[in-house]
N, C-alpha and C. Protein backbone atom coordinates (compact mmCIF):
# COMPACT_ATOMS: atom_id res chain seq x y z
N MET A 1 12.10 15.26 6.26
CA MET A 1 10.89 14.56 7.58
C MET A 1 9.77 14.37 7.73
N ILE A 2 9.37 13.79 8.12
CA ILE A 2 7.94 12.74 7.50
C ILE A 2 6.85 13.49 8.38
N LYS A 3 5.47 13.73 8.59
CA LYS A 3 4.86 14.10 8.97
C LYS A 3 3.86 12.44 9.80
N ASP A 4 4.05 12.83 11.45
CA ASP A 4 2.91 11.45 12.10
C ASP A 4 1.89 12.09 11.69
N THR A 5 1.11 11.99 10.31
CA THR A 5 0.03 12.44 10.35
C THR A 5 -0.79 11.85 9.57
N TYR A 6 -1.69 11.32 9.04
CA TYR A 6 -1.92 10.91 7.67
C TYR A 6 -3.98 11.29 7.53
N LYS A 7 -3.84 10.77 6.22
CA LYS A 7 -5.05 11.81 5.92
C LYS A 7 -6.40 10.23 6.09
N TYR A 8 -5.99 9.25 5.81
CA TYR A 8 -7.18 8.00 5.45
C TYR A 8 -6.64 7.24 6.34
N LYS A 9 -8.44 5.96 6.85
CA LYS A 9 -8.15 5.01 7.34
C LYS A 9 -7.41 3.77 5.65
N LEU A 10 -6.88 2.77 7.15
CA LEU A 10 -6.48 1.79 5.85
C LEU A 10 -7.11 1.13 4.91
N THR A 11 -8.25 0.79 5.50
CA THR A 11 -9.78 0.25 4.87
C THR A 11 -10.09 1.85 3.91
N GLU A 12 -10.01 2.25 3.71
CA GLU A 12 -10.83 3.96 2.45
C GLU A 12 -9.88 3.39 1.62
N ILE A 13 -8.51 3.28 2.25
CA ILE A 13 -7.14 3.20 0.50
C ILE A 13 -7.34 1.77 -0.18
N ALA A 14 -7.21 0.49 1.31
CA ALA A 14 -7.25 -0.18 0.88
C ALA A 14 -8.64 -1.22 -0.22
N LEU A 15 -10.12 0.08 0.20
CA LEU A 15 -10.52 -0.92 -0.40
C LEU A 15 -11.50 -0.26 -1.40
N TYR A 16 -11.23 1.52 -1.77
CA TYR A 16 -10.26 1.69 -3.35
C TYR A 16 -10.00 1.54 -3.87
N ILE A 17 -8.18 0.65 -3.54
CA ILE A 17 -7.71 -0.85 -4.61
C ILE A 17 -8.53 -1.47 -5.27
N TRP A 18 -9.33 -2.12 -3.68
CA TRP A 18 -9.95 -3.23 -4.68
C TRP A 18 -10.65 -2.49 -5.83
N TYR A 19 -11.61 -1.80 -5.18
CA TYR A 19 -12.78 -0.84 -5.75
C TYR A 19 -12.12 -1.21 -7.17
N LEU A 20 -11.10 -0.22 -7.77
CA LEU A 20 -10.04 -0.16 -8.78
C LEU A 20 -9.36 -1.21 -9.32
N LEU A 21 -9.42 -2.15 -8.87
CA LEU A 21 -8.87 -3.31 -9.46
C LEU A 21 -10.37 -4.29 -9.79
N GLU A 22 -11.27 -4.30 -9.39
CA GLU A 22 -12.18 -4.94 -9.48
C GLU A 22 -13.12 -4.17 -10.98
N LYS A 23 -13.15 -3.04 -11.22
CA LYS A 23 -14.03 -2.48 -11.86
C LYS A 23 -12.33 -1.84 -13.33
N GLY A 24 -11.67 -2.34 -13.02
CA GLY A 24 -10.70 -2.44 -14.37
C GLY A 24 -10.72 -3.57 -14.58
N LYS A 25 -11.00 -5.09 -14.69
CA LYS A 25 -11.19 -5.78 -14.17
C LYS A 25 -9.58 -6.70 -14.74
N TYR A 26 -8.72 -6.17 -13.89
CA TYR A 26 -7.15 -7.08 -13.03
C TYR A 26 -7.77 -7.77 -12.24
N VAL A 27 -7.27 -9.60 -12.21
CA VAL A 27 -6.76 -10.31 -11.51
C VAL A 27 -6.28 -9.32 -10.11
N THR A 28 -7.64 -10.20 -9.12
CA THR A 28 -7.36 -9.37 -7.91
C THR A 28 -7.29 -10.97 -6.91
N SER A 29 -6.09 -10.32 -6.45
CA SER A 29 -6.10 -11.19 -5.40
C SER A 29 -5.68 -10.41 -3.64
N MET A 30 -5.62 -11.26 -2.24
CA MET A 30 -5.13 -9.63 -1.13
C MET A 30 -4.27 -10.14 -1.46
N THR A 31 -2.87 -10.73 -1.90
CA THR A 31 -1.48 -10.58 -2.13
C THR A 31 -0.91 -9.19 -2.78
N LYS A 32 -1.98 -9.09 -3.97
CA LYS A 32 -2.23 -8.46 -5.02
C LYS A 32 -2.36 -6.96 -4.20
N ILE A 33 -3.36 -6.47 -3.91
CA ILE A 33 -3.95 -5.59 -2.81
C ILE A 33 -3.35 -5.03 -1.74
N GLN A 34 -2.64 -5.71 -1.07
CA GLN A 34 -1.57 -5.18 -0.23
C GLN A 34 -0.01 -5.25 -0.75
N LYS A 35 0.49 -5.79 -1.76
CA LYS A 35 1.38 -4.81 -1.98
C LYS A 35 1.40 -3.40 -2.88
N LEU A 36 -0.39 -3.48 -3.85
CA LEU A 36 -0.38 -2.85 -4.49
C LEU A 36 -0.85 -1.12 -2.80
N LEU A 37 -0.76 -1.67 -1.96
CA LEU A 37 -1.60 -1.08 -1.34
C LEU A 37 -0.02 -0.35 -0.36
N TYR A 38 1.21 -1.74 -0.31
CA TYR A 38 2.77 -0.31 0.01
C TYR A 38 3.14 0.29 -0.51
N ILE A 39 3.18 -0.18 -2.30
CA ILE A 39 3.60 0.81 -3.20
C ILE A 39 2.62 2.16 -3.12
N THR A 40 1.56 2.37 -2.58
CA THR A 40 0.72 3.39 -2.86
C THR A 40 1.51 4.40 -1.29
N TYR A 41 1.39 3.41 -0.51
CA TYR A 41 1.57 4.18 1.21
C TYR A 41 2.76 4.47 0.74
N ALA A 42 4.43 4.07 0.04
CA ALA A 42 5.38 4.61 -0.13
C ALA A 42 5.52 5.88 -0.81
N ARG A 43 5.17 5.64 -1.85
CA ARG A 43 5.04 6.99 -3.57
C ARG A 43 5.06 7.53 -2.33
N TYR A 44 3.23 7.61 -2.02
CA TYR A 44 2.88 8.63 -0.84
C TYR A 44 3.42 9.04 -0.15
N MET A 45 4.35 8.65 0.59
CA MET A 45 5.88 9.40 1.45
C MET A 45 6.57 10.00 0.63
N VAL A 46 7.08 9.48 0.01
CA VAL A 46 7.56 10.22 -0.63
C VAL A 46 7.75 11.00 -1.03
N ARG A 47 6.85 11.53 -1.77
CA ARG A 47 6.38 12.86 -2.48
C ARG A 47 5.22 13.54 -2.38
N TYR A 48 5.27 13.92 -0.96
CA TYR A 48 4.46 13.82 -0.03
C TYR A 48 5.05 14.59 1.37
N GLY A 49 5.35 13.60 2.14
CA GLY A 49 6.56 13.34 3.11
C GLY A 49 5.44 13.40 4.12
N GLU A 50 4.20 12.25 3.86
CA GLU A 50 3.35 12.63 5.29
C GLU A 50 3.06 11.32 4.71
N ARG A 51 2.20 10.23 5.68
CA ARG A 51 1.71 9.34 5.68
C ARG A 51 -0.08 9.21 5.20
N LEU A 52 0.13 8.64 3.91
CA LEU A 52 -1.16 8.21 3.38
C LEU A 52 -2.02 8.02 4.50
N ILE A 53 -1.96 6.53 5.19
CA ILE A 53 -2.95 5.31 5.91
C ILE A 53 -2.37 5.73 7.43
N ASP A 54 -2.83 5.41 8.31
CA ASP A 54 -3.88 5.46 9.53
C ASP A 54 -2.64 4.35 10.23
N GLU A 55 -2.35 3.24 9.26
CA GLU A 55 -1.92 1.82 9.55
C GLU A 55 -0.43 2.15 9.38
N TYR A 56 0.96 1.40 9.89
CA TYR A 56 2.06 0.75 9.15
C TYR A 56 2.08 -0.62 8.84
N PRO A 57 3.04 -0.76 7.42
CA PRO A 57 3.03 -1.48 6.50
C PRO A 57 4.19 -2.40 8.02
N HIS A 58 3.93 -3.94 8.00
CA HIS A 58 4.67 -4.62 8.82
C HIS A 58 5.60 -5.69 8.41
N LYS A 59 6.84 -6.58 8.63
CA LYS A 59 7.43 -6.94 7.79
C LYS A 59 7.60 -8.77 8.14
N TRP A 60 6.61 -8.85 7.30
CA TRP A 60 6.78 -10.19 7.53
C TRP A 60 6.98 -11.20 6.40
N SER A 61 8.17 -12.28 6.31
CA SER A 61 8.49 -13.26 5.89
C SER A 61 8.75 -13.33 3.60
N TYR A 62 7.94 -12.29 3.15
CA TYR A 62 8.68 -12.54 1.59
C TYR A 62 8.38 -10.99 1.34
N CYS A 63 7.41 -10.13 2.33
CA CYS A 63 7.04 -8.68 1.89
C CYS A 63 6.55 -8.71 2.93
N PRO A 64 6.26 -6.31 2.42
CA PRO A 64 5.70 -6.00 3.95
C PRO A 64 3.67 -6.25 3.55
N VAL A 65 2.91 -6.44 4.90
CA VAL A 65 1.91 -6.45 4.75
C VAL A 65 2.02 -5.00 5.55
N PHE A 66 0.01 -5.19 5.85
CA PHE A 66 0.01 -4.75 6.45
C PHE A 66 -1.75 -5.60 7.35
N PRO A 67 -1.36 -5.92 8.57
CA PRO A 67 -1.80 -6.59 8.75
C PRO A 67 -3.26 -7.15 9.84
N ALA A 68 -4.86 -6.02 9.68
CA ALA A 68 -5.58 -5.44 9.47
C ALA A 68 -5.86 -6.00 8.23
N CYS A 69 -5.14 -4.67 6.76
CA CYS A 69 -5.58 -4.63 5.43
C CYS A 69 -6.60 -6.38 5.39
N ARG A 70 -6.31 -7.45 5.53
CA ARG A 70 -7.21 -8.43 4.93
C ARG A 70 -8.97 -8.63 5.47
N GLU A 71 -8.31 -8.67 7.69
CA GLU A 71 -9.44 -8.77 8.33
C GLU A 71 -10.76 -7.77 7.42
N TYR A 72 -10.51 -6.05 6.79
CA TYR A 72 -11.23 -5.53 6.69
C TYR A 72 -11.73 -5.99 4.93
N LEU A 73 -10.94 -6.27 4.30
CA LEU A 73 -10.68 -6.54 3.03
C LEU A 73 -11.64 -8.09 2.32
N LEU A 74 -11.96 -8.96 3.15
CA LEU A 74 -12.78 -10.05 4.05
C LEU A 74 -14.15 -9.95 3.89
N LYS A 75 -14.30 -8.59 4.13
CA LYS A 75 -15.67 -8.59 4.02
C LYS A 75 -16.63 -7.56 2.71
N GLY A 76 -15.84 -7.72 1.53
CA GLY A 76 -16.59 -7.63 0.43
C GLY A 76 -16.84 -6.10 0.47
N ASP A 77 -16.53 -5.08 0.87
CA ASP A 77 -17.38 -3.62 1.29
C ASP A 77 -17.18 -2.85 -0.36
N TYR A 78 -16.51 -3.44 -1.55
CA TYR A 78 -15.23 -2.11 -1.87
C TYR A 78 -17.09 -1.64 -2.90
N GLU A 79 -16.26 0.20 -2.16
CA GLU A 79 -17.25 0.96 -2.69
C GLU A 79 -16.05 1.53 -2.63
N ASP A 80 -16.75 3.25 -4.02
CA ASP A 80 -15.66 4.02 -3.86
C ASP A 80 -16.14 5.86 -2.27
N PRO A 81 -15.20 5.18 -2.64
CA PRO A 81 -14.84 6.25 -0.26
C PRO A 81 -14.81 7.70 -1.00
N ASP A 82 -15.10 8.70 0.08
CA ASP A 82 -14.89 9.96 -0.02
C ASP A 82 -13.62 9.93 0.08
N LEU A 83 -12.91 10.22 -0.72
CA LEU A 83 -11.91 10.66 -1.60
C LEU A 83 -11.17 11.96 -2.08
N ASP A 84 -10.15 12.77 -1.65
CA ASP A 84 -10.35 13.92 -2.38
C ASP A 84 -9.17 13.33 -3.27
N TYR A 85 -9.71 14.21 -4.39
CA TYR A 85 -9.10 14.30 -5.50
C TYR A 85 -7.45 14.03 -5.63
N ARG A 86 -7.07 14.33 -5.15
CA ARG A 86 -5.40 14.55 -5.78
C ARG A 86 -4.85 12.93 -5.06
N THR A 87 -5.23 12.58 -4.17
CA THR A 87 -5.20 11.74 -3.56
C THR A 87 -6.80 9.85 -4.60
N ILE A 88 -7.61 10.61 -5.37
CA ILE A 88 -7.54 9.92 -6.26
C ILE A 88 -6.85 9.48 -7.46
N LYS A 89 -6.58 10.55 -7.86
CA LYS A 89 -5.06 10.62 -8.82
C LYS A 89 -4.08 9.91 -8.75
N PHE A 90 -3.87 10.23 -7.26
CA PHE A 90 -2.77 9.08 -6.61
C PHE A 90 -2.49 7.67 -6.99
N VAL A 91 -3.51 7.32 -6.26
CA VAL A 91 -4.04 5.66 -6.29
C VAL A 91 -3.79 5.76 -8.01
N LYS A 92 -4.75 6.31 -8.54
CA LYS A 92 -6.02 5.28 -9.47
C LYS A 92 -4.02 5.59 -11.02
N GLN A 93 -3.15 6.27 -10.23
CA GLN A 93 -1.54 6.23 -11.19
C GLN A 93 -1.56 4.97 -10.99
N VAL A 94 -1.02 5.23 -9.36
CA VAL A 94 -0.02 3.16 -9.01
C VAL A 94 -0.79 2.34 -9.75
N ILE A 95 -2.15 1.98 -10.17
CA ILE A 95 -2.83 0.80 -10.29
C ILE A 95 -2.86 1.09 -11.68
N GLU A 96 -2.64 2.23 -12.70
CA GLU A 96 -2.64 2.36 -13.99
C GLU A 96 -0.87 1.95 -13.44
N ASP A 97 0.47 1.79 -12.60
CA ASP A 97 1.80 1.86 -12.93
C ASP A 97 1.63 0.35 -12.76
N TYR A 98 0.64 -0.56 -11.92
CA TYR A 98 1.73 -1.79 -11.70
C TYR A 98 -0.08 -2.90 -11.84
N ALA A 99 -0.61 -2.24 -11.38
CA ALA A 99 -2.38 -3.43 -11.43
C ALA A 99 -1.57 -4.73 -12.92
N SER A 100 -1.45 -4.57 -13.23
CA SER A 100 -0.56 -5.86 -14.37
C SER A 100 0.31 -5.97 -14.03
N TYR A 101 0.70 -6.06 -13.39
CA TYR A 101 1.70 -7.70 -12.89
C TYR A 101 1.06 -8.34 -11.54
N SER A 102 1.31 -8.90 -11.05
CA SER A 102 1.23 -10.27 -10.80
C SER A 102 0.88 -10.02 -9.01
N GLY A 103 0.43 -10.69 -8.26
CA GLY A 103 0.83 -10.25 -7.03
C GLY A 103 2.43 -11.13 -7.02
N ASP A 104 2.84 -11.90 -7.21
CA ASP A 104 3.80 -11.93 -7.23
C ASP A 104 5.81 -11.75 -7.22
N HIS A 105 4.95 -11.44 -8.05
CA HIS A 105 5.83 -10.61 -9.10
C HIS A 105 6.26 -8.51 -8.14
N LEU A 106 4.57 -8.66 -7.75
CA LEU A 106 4.24 -7.71 -7.02
C LEU A 106 5.22 -8.12 -5.09
N SER A 107 5.86 -9.02 -5.02
CA SER A 107 5.62 -9.33 -3.74
C SER A 107 7.28 -9.58 -4.06
N GLU A 108 8.24 -9.94 -4.90
CA GLU A 108 9.28 -9.97 -5.57
C GLU A 108 9.81 -7.78 -5.40
N LEU A 109 9.35 -6.91 -5.94
CA LEU A 109 9.41 -6.09 -5.80
C LEU A 109 8.86 -4.97 -4.74
N THR A 110 8.21 -5.21 -3.69
CA THR A 110 8.46 -5.11 -2.35
C THR A 110 9.41 -5.74 -1.39
N GLN A 111 9.66 -6.27 -1.77
CA GLN A 111 10.77 -6.85 -0.50
C GLN A 111 12.23 -5.94 -1.17
N ASP A 112 11.95 -4.17 -0.80
CA ASP A 112 12.84 -3.65 -1.25
C ASP A 112 14.06 -3.44 -0.15
N LYS A 113 14.63 -2.26 -0.20
CA LYS A 113 15.63 -1.80 1.23
C LYS A 113 15.39 -1.38 2.20
N ALA A 114 13.43 -1.42 2.23
CA ALA A 114 13.09 -0.32 3.89
C ALA A 114 12.88 -1.51 4.54
N TRP A 115 12.70 -3.02 3.97
CA TRP A 115 12.27 -3.89 3.69
C TRP A 115 13.63 -5.17 5.03
N ASP A 116 14.05 -4.81 3.56
CA ASP A 116 14.98 -5.65 3.85
C ASP A 116 16.68 -4.75 5.29
N LYS A 117 15.84 -3.35 5.18
CA LYS A 117 17.17 -4.07 6.39
C LYS A 117 16.08 -3.32 7.29
N SER A 118 14.45 -3.53 7.33
CA SER A 118 13.79 -3.71 9.26
C SER A 118 15.03 -5.45 9.57
N TYR A 119 14.86 -5.48 10.55
CA TYR A 119 15.30 -6.05 11.66
C TYR A 119 14.60 -7.44 12.35
N ILE A 120 13.04 -7.23 12.40
CA ILE A 120 12.33 -7.85 13.02
C ILE A 120 11.63 -8.38 12.60
N TRP A 121 11.05 -9.35 12.41
CA TRP A 121 10.07 -10.19 11.74
C TRP A 121 8.36 -9.87 12.36
N ASP A 122 7.85 -9.42 11.50
CA ASP A 122 6.53 -8.77 11.88
C ASP A 122 5.97 -7.24 13.12
N ASP A 123 7.85 -6.49 12.84
CA ASP A 123 7.37 -5.43 13.04
C ASP A 123 7.12 -4.33 12.09
N VAL A 124 6.79 -3.51 12.73
CA VAL A 124 6.98 -2.02 11.67
C VAL A 124 8.02 -1.69 11.10
N ILE A 125 7.53 -1.33 9.80
CA ILE A 125 9.24 -1.18 9.10
C ILE A 125 9.28 1.20 9.24
N PRO A 126 9.91 0.62 9.62
CA PRO A 126 9.85 2.88 9.91
C PRO A 126 10.26 3.66 8.92
N ASP A 127 9.11 4.67 8.46
CA ASP A 127 9.16 5.19 7.84
C ASP A 127 9.86 5.97 7.27
N ASN A 128 11.59 5.97 7.61
CA ASN A 128 12.13 6.74 7.77
C ASN A 128 13.27 5.75 7.07
N PHE A 129 12.23 4.27 6.85
CA PHE A 129 14.01 3.62 6.01
C PHE A 129 12.61 3.41 4.49
N ILE A 130 11.31 3.85 5.10
CA ILE A 130 10.59 3.70 3.00
C ILE A 130 11.27 5.24 2.65
N TYR A 131 10.79 6.28 3.56
CA TYR A 131 11.39 7.63 3.03
C TYR A 131 12.73 7.90 2.15
N LYS A 132 13.89 6.90 2.58
CA LYS A 132 15.10 7.11 2.34
C LYS A 132 15.65 6.18 0.86
N LEU A 133 14.81 4.86 1.50
CA LEU A 133 15.32 3.61 0.98
C LEU A 133 14.27 2.83 -0.87
N THR A 134 13.23 4.33 -0.71
CA THR A 134 11.97 3.76 -1.41
C THR A 134 12.37 3.90 -2.94
N CYS A 135 12.14 3.62 -4.00
CA CYS A 135 12.45 3.52 -5.63
C CYS A 135 11.28 3.79 -6.73
N TYR A 136 10.06 3.43 -6.00
CA TYR A 136 8.93 3.14 -6.75
C TYR A 136 8.68 3.97 -7.34
């Protein structure tokens, strides 16, 4: 059972991902950040049984997206947010595992069973789909 609670705001984790990509000198794009955010969201849910952030991913035509993410990231305010040690370690591991992939490759990767099983475009991908069908 997934707890309907969350630890952080979307902005905190998205900006931290952007910060880590910039710090690691990885090629960065909005697509790449969106996909890394989704992988982080899914992995965290599977590992800890709760949501990491306050937003839900939506099913868009090519892959999962957090619609509010783009607005926040365009501000370019990437600073090191106040995250607990477990979350910092967790997000860094996702970056280590996936940051070398292109945004296009990550888009293909995140067209997973949870995304595919969601029926309505631009609707929320249910957490129970992500929890049961994710293999990151």
